[in-house]
N, C-alpha and C. Protein backbone atom coordinates (compact mmCIF):
# COMPACT_ATOMS: atom_id res chain seq x y z
N MET A 1 133.85 102.26 95.15
CA MET A 1 133.57 103.66 95.36
C MET A 1 132.10 103.82 95.77
N PHE A 2 131.86 104.85 96.54
CA PHE A 2 130.52 105.22 96.96
C PHE A 2 130.31 106.67 96.57
N TYR A 3 129.10 106.98 96.15
CA TYR A 3 128.83 108.30 95.60
C TYR A 3 127.69 108.99 96.34
N VAL A 4 127.88 110.27 96.59
CA VAL A 4 126.81 111.14 97.05
C VAL A 4 126.43 111.95 95.83
N TYR A 5 125.13 112.04 95.54
CA TYR A 5 124.73 112.71 94.31
C TYR A 5 123.54 113.63 94.56
N VAL A 6 123.40 114.58 93.66
CA VAL A 6 122.28 115.53 93.71
C VAL A 6 121.56 115.46 92.37
N LEU A 7 120.25 115.26 92.45
CA LEU A 7 119.41 115.28 91.26
C LEU A 7 118.55 116.54 91.29
N ASN A 8 118.25 117.06 90.11
CA ASN A 8 117.39 118.22 89.99
C ASN A 8 116.27 117.85 89.05
N SER A 9 115.04 118.19 89.42
CA SER A 9 113.89 117.84 88.57
C SER A 9 113.53 118.99 87.66
N ASP A 10 112.67 118.70 86.70
CA ASP A 10 112.20 119.74 85.79
C ASP A 10 111.36 120.78 86.53
N ALA A 11 110.85 120.43 87.71
CA ALA A 11 110.09 121.37 88.55
C ALA A 11 111.00 122.06 89.56
N ASP A 12 112.31 121.91 89.40
CA ASP A 12 113.33 122.52 90.26
C ASP A 12 113.36 121.95 91.68
N ASP A 13 112.90 120.70 91.84
CA ASP A 13 113.04 119.99 93.10
C ASP A 13 114.45 119.42 93.17
N VAL A 14 114.92 119.15 94.39
CA VAL A 14 116.26 118.61 94.60
C VAL A 14 116.14 117.31 95.38
N TYR A 15 116.90 116.31 94.97
CA TYR A 15 116.98 115.04 95.68
C TYR A 15 118.46 114.74 95.94
N ILE A 16 118.79 114.41 97.18
CA ILE A 16 120.16 114.06 97.56
C ILE A 16 120.16 112.60 98.00
N GLY A 17 121.10 111.81 97.45
CA GLY A 17 121.18 110.41 97.80
C GLY A 17 122.61 109.92 97.75
N TYR A 18 122.79 108.63 98.06
CA TYR A 18 124.11 108.01 97.93
C TYR A 18 123.94 106.60 97.42
N SER A 19 124.98 106.09 96.78
CA SER A 19 124.92 104.77 96.19
C SER A 19 126.31 104.24 95.89
N ALA A 20 126.43 102.93 95.86
CA ALA A 20 127.69 102.30 95.47
C ALA A 20 127.78 102.18 93.95
N ASP A 21 126.63 102.15 93.28
CA ASP A 21 126.58 102.04 91.82
C ASP A 21 125.74 103.18 91.28
N LEU A 22 126.39 104.27 90.98
CA LEU A 22 125.68 105.49 90.59
C LEU A 22 124.87 105.30 89.31
N ARG A 23 125.41 104.64 88.33
CA ARG A 23 124.68 104.44 87.06
C ARG A 23 123.41 103.64 87.27
N ALA A 24 123.50 102.56 88.02
CA ALA A 24 122.31 101.74 88.28
C ALA A 24 121.28 102.52 89.09
N ARG A 25 121.75 103.30 90.04
CA ARG A 25 120.84 104.09 90.87
C ARG A 25 120.11 105.14 90.03
N LEU A 26 120.82 105.78 89.10
CA LEU A 26 120.18 106.76 88.23
C LEU A 26 119.13 106.10 87.33
N GLN A 27 119.44 104.92 86.83
CA GLN A 27 118.47 104.18 86.02
C GLN A 27 117.23 103.86 86.84
N SER A 28 117.44 103.52 88.10
CA SER A 28 116.33 103.24 89.00
C SER A 28 115.44 104.47 89.19
N HIS A 29 116.06 105.63 89.35
CA HIS A 29 115.29 106.87 89.48
C HIS A 29 114.50 107.14 88.21
N HIS A 30 115.13 106.99 87.05
CA HIS A 30 114.47 107.28 85.78
C HIS A 30 113.35 106.28 85.47
N ALA A 31 113.49 105.07 85.96
CA ALA A 31 112.47 104.04 85.70
C ALA A 31 111.29 104.16 86.66
N GLY A 32 111.37 105.04 87.64
CA GLY A 32 110.26 105.23 88.58
C GLY A 32 110.20 104.20 89.69
N ARG A 33 111.32 103.54 89.97
CA ARG A 33 111.33 102.52 91.02
C ARG A 33 111.61 103.10 92.40
N ASN A 34 111.76 104.40 92.50
CA ASN A 34 112.01 105.05 93.78
C ASN A 34 110.82 105.93 94.12
N ARG A 35 110.22 105.69 95.25
CA ARG A 35 109.02 106.41 95.65
C ARG A 35 109.25 107.92 95.71
N SER A 36 110.39 108.33 96.21
CA SER A 36 110.67 109.76 96.41
C SER A 36 110.82 110.53 95.10
N THR A 37 111.22 109.85 94.04
CA THR A 37 111.48 110.56 92.79
C THR A 37 110.54 110.15 91.66
N ARG A 38 109.57 109.35 91.95
CA ARG A 38 108.65 108.85 90.93
C ARG A 38 107.80 109.98 90.35
N GLY A 39 107.57 109.92 89.06
CA GLY A 39 106.65 110.84 88.41
C GLY A 39 107.26 112.16 87.95
N ARG A 40 108.54 112.31 88.11
CA ARG A 40 109.20 113.54 87.66
C ARG A 40 110.42 113.18 86.83
N CYS A 41 110.82 114.12 86.00
CA CYS A 41 112.02 113.93 85.18
C CYS A 41 113.21 114.52 85.93
N TRP A 42 114.25 113.71 86.16
CA TRP A 42 115.40 114.13 86.95
C TRP A 42 116.66 114.13 86.11
N ARG A 43 117.60 115.00 86.50
CA ARG A 43 118.93 114.96 85.87
C ARG A 43 119.99 115.07 86.97
N LEU A 44 121.08 114.40 86.75
CA LEU A 44 122.20 114.44 87.68
C LEU A 44 122.92 115.77 87.51
N VAL A 45 123.06 116.52 88.61
CA VAL A 45 123.72 117.83 88.52
C VAL A 45 125.02 117.87 89.32
N TYR A 46 125.24 116.87 90.19
CA TYR A 46 126.44 116.91 91.03
C TYR A 46 126.66 115.55 91.67
N TYR A 47 127.92 115.17 91.83
CA TYR A 47 128.23 113.98 92.63
C TYR A 47 129.62 114.10 93.22
N GLU A 48 129.82 113.39 94.31
CA GLU A 48 131.12 113.29 94.98
C GLU A 48 131.41 111.81 95.18
N ALA A 49 132.67 111.41 95.07
CA ALA A 49 133.07 110.01 95.23
C ALA A 49 133.81 109.83 96.56
N TYR A 50 133.53 108.72 97.24
CA TYR A 50 134.16 108.39 98.51
C TYR A 50 134.61 106.93 98.48
N THR A 51 135.65 106.65 99.23
CA THR A 51 136.18 105.28 99.24
C THR A 51 135.43 104.38 100.22
N THR A 52 134.74 104.97 101.20
CA THR A 52 134.00 104.15 102.16
C THR A 52 132.53 104.54 102.19
N GLU A 53 131.69 103.57 102.48
CA GLU A 53 130.26 103.82 102.58
C GLU A 53 129.95 104.77 103.73
N THR A 54 130.67 104.62 104.83
CA THR A 54 130.45 105.48 105.99
C THR A 54 130.69 106.95 105.65
N ALA A 55 131.75 107.24 104.92
CA ALA A 55 132.05 108.61 104.53
C ALA A 55 130.94 109.18 103.63
N ALA A 56 130.46 108.37 102.70
CA ALA A 56 129.40 108.82 101.80
C ALA A 56 128.11 109.05 102.57
N ARG A 57 127.77 108.14 103.46
CA ARG A 57 126.55 108.29 104.27
C ARG A 57 126.62 109.53 105.15
N ASP A 58 127.78 109.76 105.75
CA ASP A 58 127.96 110.94 106.60
C ASP A 58 127.81 112.23 105.79
N ARG A 59 128.39 112.27 104.60
CA ARG A 59 128.29 113.46 103.76
C ARG A 59 126.85 113.70 103.33
N LYS A 60 126.14 112.63 102.98
CA LYS A 60 124.74 112.77 102.60
C LYS A 60 123.93 113.33 103.77
N ARG A 61 124.17 112.81 104.95
CA ARG A 61 123.46 113.29 106.14
C ARG A 61 123.74 114.78 106.38
N ILE A 62 124.98 115.18 106.20
CA ILE A 62 125.34 116.60 106.38
C ILE A 62 124.59 117.46 105.35
N LEU A 63 124.59 117.04 104.09
CA LEU A 63 123.93 117.83 103.06
C LEU A 63 122.42 117.91 103.27
N LYS A 64 121.83 116.87 103.82
CA LYS A 64 120.39 116.87 104.04
C LYS A 64 119.98 117.63 105.30
N HIS A 65 120.81 117.63 106.32
CA HIS A 65 120.38 118.15 107.62
C HIS A 65 121.12 119.38 108.12
N ASP A 66 122.22 119.73 107.50
CA ASP A 66 122.95 120.93 107.91
C ASP A 66 122.65 122.04 106.91
N GLY A 67 121.86 123.01 107.34
CA GLY A 67 121.41 124.07 106.45
C GLY A 67 122.54 124.85 105.79
N THR A 68 123.60 125.12 106.53
CA THR A 68 124.72 125.89 105.99
C THR A 68 125.41 125.14 104.85
N SER A 69 125.69 123.88 105.05
CA SER A 69 126.35 123.08 104.01
C SER A 69 125.46 122.93 102.78
N ARG A 70 124.20 122.66 103.02
CA ARG A 70 123.25 122.49 101.91
C ARG A 70 123.11 123.78 101.11
N ARG A 71 122.94 124.91 101.81
CA ARG A 71 122.81 126.20 101.11
C ARG A 71 124.05 126.52 100.29
N ALA A 72 125.23 126.25 100.84
CA ALA A 72 126.46 126.53 100.13
C ALA A 72 126.54 125.71 98.84
N LEU A 73 126.22 124.44 98.92
CA LEU A 73 126.25 123.58 97.73
C LEU A 73 125.19 124.01 96.72
N MET A 74 123.97 124.27 97.18
CA MET A 74 122.89 124.66 96.27
C MET A 74 123.20 125.99 95.58
N GLU A 75 123.78 126.92 96.30
CA GLU A 75 124.15 128.21 95.69
C GLU A 75 125.22 128.00 94.62
N ARG A 76 126.19 127.17 94.92
CA ARG A 76 127.24 126.87 93.94
C ARG A 76 126.66 126.21 92.70
N LEU A 77 125.73 125.28 92.89
CA LEU A 77 125.11 124.60 91.76
C LEU A 77 124.26 125.56 90.94
N ARG A 78 123.51 126.43 91.60
CA ARG A 78 122.67 127.39 90.87
C ARG A 78 123.52 128.31 89.98
N ARG A 79 124.65 128.76 90.52
CA ARG A 79 125.52 129.64 89.74
C ARG A 79 126.04 128.94 88.48
N HIS A 80 126.37 127.68 88.60
CA HIS A 80 126.97 126.95 87.48
C HIS A 80 125.94 126.34 86.53
N LEU A 81 124.71 126.17 86.97
CA LEU A 81 123.71 125.55 86.11
C LEU A 81 122.96 126.57 85.25
N LYS A 82 123.09 127.82 85.55
CA LYS A 82 122.37 128.83 84.76
C LYS A 82 123.14 129.27 83.55
């Protein structure tokens, strides 16, 4: 399985990524081994599972670069996280 995930920081920053091993990737974020997420406290707020890496990569690209898709997901997450 491949996962697209969304992390939220204590400063309300958002990070979108994908990984084949979600647990190991989250540990990597928490340990500060990722330049983009270093120095902040992150929590997993959303993930989607895909059977192929290509599908996960494509979904991540859509969430990062398509404003409509990203806004829709972020609005849904904000409603449920409050």
